[in-house]
Amino acid sequence: MNRPHTQELICRKYPTYTVPVLPDVFAAVSNPARRTILDELRQGPRTAGELTGLLDLSRPAASEHLAVLREAGLVREERQGRNRVYRLQPAGLAEIGGWVKHFEHYWNQRLDALAQLLDEEKPI
């Protein structure tokens, strides 16, 4: 059996995408680390170092997550001396809120049915 050379299996060229990829808010929030960053930024601005420490990730990995959030318009980066400070841009989440709103009536129906069931099971 001919096996390809090991180096050929693990080597990949960067960037991963050869064509431009449009920023996608849904893809940006699909990652738990990025959701953690957004949750932390709700409390106020944080430096890249603070966010990296919070995530227990390497600097390059944290930087990649922050870049995805920035490109999706969910965070804003500004330089303050040697630090990069990140701030939440909540307007970028409006797209997700609008999409989720279409499903709200399903939740309300289910919650109403649950409330009715619980009312029926109350001992008199």
Protein backbone atom coordinates (compact mmCIF):
# COMPACT_ATOMS: atom_id res chain seq x y z
CA MET A 1 0.00 0.00 0.00
CA ASN A 2 1.45 3.33 -1.03
CA ARG A 3 0.99 5.96 1.64
CA PRO A 4 1.50 9.64 0.90
CA HIS A 5 4.44 11.26 2.52
CA THR A 6 3.51 12.38 6.06
CA GLN A 7 4.54 15.96 5.35
CA GLU A 8 1.97 16.15 2.56
CA LEU A 9 -0.81 15.07 4.94
CA ILE A 10 -0.31 17.72 7.60
CA CYS A 11 0.88 20.63 5.53
CA ARG A 12 -1.72 23.14 4.46
CA LYS A 13 -1.39 26.47 2.80
CA TYR A 14 -2.63 29.62 4.49
CA PRO A 15 -5.05 31.23 4.24
CA THR A 16 -7.48 28.35 4.39
CA TYR A 17 -9.95 30.11 2.11
CA THR A 18 -8.71 31.11 -1.31
CA VAL A 19 -11.76 33.21 -2.17
CA PRO A 20 -13.02 36.07 -0.01
CA VAL A 21 -15.44 34.92 2.66
CA LEU A 22 -18.15 37.37 3.67
CA PRO A 23 -18.39 38.06 7.40
CA ASP A 24 -21.21 36.00 8.89
CA VAL A 25 -22.70 36.99 12.23
CA PHE A 26 -24.21 33.53 12.71
CA ALA A 27 -20.87 31.82 12.11
CA ALA A 28 -19.14 34.29 14.42
CA VAL A 29 -21.40 33.46 17.37
CA SER A 30 -21.42 29.72 16.66
CA ASN A 31 -18.12 29.26 18.50
CA PRO A 32 -18.28 29.01 22.32
CA ALA A 33 -15.04 30.97 22.78
CA ARG A 34 -16.44 33.86 20.76
CA ARG A 35 -19.69 33.80 22.73
CA THR A 36 -17.61 33.98 25.92
CA ILE A 37 -15.81 37.04 24.53
CA LEU A 38 -19.13 38.72 23.71
CA ASP A 39 -20.48 37.93 27.18
CA GLU A 40 -17.38 39.43 28.77
CA LEU A 41 -17.56 42.56 26.62
CA ARG A 42 -21.12 43.18 27.83
CA GLN A 43 -19.48 44.18 31.13
CA GLY A 44 -17.33 46.77 29.38
CA PRO A 45 -14.21 47.16 27.24
CA ARG A 46 -11.38 44.64 27.70
CA THR A 47 -7.84 44.45 26.41
CA ALA A 48 -6.79 41.63 24.13
CA GLY A 49 -4.59 40.32 26.96
CA GLU A 50 -7.51 40.19 29.40
CA LEU A 51 -9.64 38.31 26.89
CA THR A 52 -6.81 35.91 26.07
CA GLY A 53 -6.39 35.10 29.77
CA LEU A 54 -10.12 34.59 30.19
CA LEU A 55 -10.25 32.05 27.37
CA ASP A 56 -7.15 30.13 28.39
CA LEU A 57 -6.05 30.13 24.73
CA SER A 58 -2.83 30.98 23.00
CA ARG A 59 -2.46 34.54 21.78
CA PRO A 60 -2.73 33.55 18.10
CA ALA A 61 -5.92 31.56 18.75
CA ALA A 62 -7.51 34.39 20.74
CA SER A 63 -6.44 36.88 18.08
CA GLU A 64 -8.13 34.78 15.41
CA HIS A 65 -11.39 34.70 17.39
CA LEU A 66 -11.24 38.47 17.91
CA ALA A 67 -10.61 39.00 14.20
CA VAL A 68 -13.70 36.94 13.31
CA LEU A 69 -15.83 39.01 15.71
CA ARG A 70 -14.35 42.26 14.38
CA GLU A 71 -14.94 41.30 10.74
CA ALA A 72 -18.54 40.34 11.57
CA GLY A 73 -19.06 43.81 13.07
CA LEU A 74 -19.66 42.50 16.59
CA VAL A 75 -16.66 44.14 18.27
CA ARG A 76 -14.63 47.27 17.67
CA GLU A 77 -10.89 47.43 18.25
CA GLU A 78 -8.99 50.54 19.23
CA ARG A 79 -5.36 51.00 20.12
CA GLN A 80 -4.53 52.59 23.45
CA GLY A 81 -0.78 52.81 23.70
CA ARG A 82 0.58 49.27 23.42
CA ASN A 83 -2.79 47.68 24.10
CA ARG A 84 -5.66 46.78 21.84
CA VAL A 85 -8.96 47.43 23.56
CA TYR A 86 -12.11 45.68 22.37
CA ARG A 87 -15.64 47.00 22.76
CA LEU A 88 -18.95 45.31 22.04
CA GLN A 89 -20.86 46.50 18.98
CA PRO A 90 -24.34 45.20 19.89
CA ALA A 91 -25.97 46.53 16.71
CA GLY A 92 -24.29 43.68 14.85
CA LEU A 93 -26.41 41.22 16.83
CA ALA A 94 -29.63 42.70 15.41
CA GLU A 95 -29.49 40.27 12.49
CA ILE A 96 -29.61 37.33 14.89
CA GLY A 97 -32.35 38.93 16.98
CA GLY A 98 -34.46 39.51 13.88
CA TRP A 99 -34.07 35.92 12.75
CA VAL A 100 -34.84 34.46 16.20
CA LYS A 101 -37.92 36.67 16.51
CA HIS A 102 -39.58 34.64 13.74
CA PHE A 103 -39.58 31.64 16.08
CA GLU A 104 -40.83 33.45 19.17
CA HIS A 105 -44.45 32.42 18.62
CA TYR A 106 -43.42 28.76 18.81
CA TRP A 107 -41.84 29.32 22.22
CA ASN A 108 -44.87 31.26 23.43
CA GLN A 109 -47.22 28.48 22.32
CA ARG A 110 -45.12 25.86 24.10
CA LEU A 111 -44.89 27.93 27.28
CA ASP A 112 -48.64 28.61 27.24
CA ALA A 113 -49.30 24.87 26.85
CA LEU A 114 -46.94 24.11 29.74
CA ALA A 115 -48.63 26.71 31.96
CA GLN A 116 -52.04 25.23 31.12
CA LEU A 117 -50.81 21.71 31.93
CA LEU A 118 -49.36 22.85 35.25
CA ASP A 119 -52.61 24.65 36.12
CA GLU A 120 -54.58 21.47 35.40
CA GLU A 121 -52.30 19.39 37.62
CA LYS A 122 -52.52 21.71 40.64
CA PRO A 123 -54.12 19.96 43.59
CA ILE A 124 -57.33 21.63 44.68
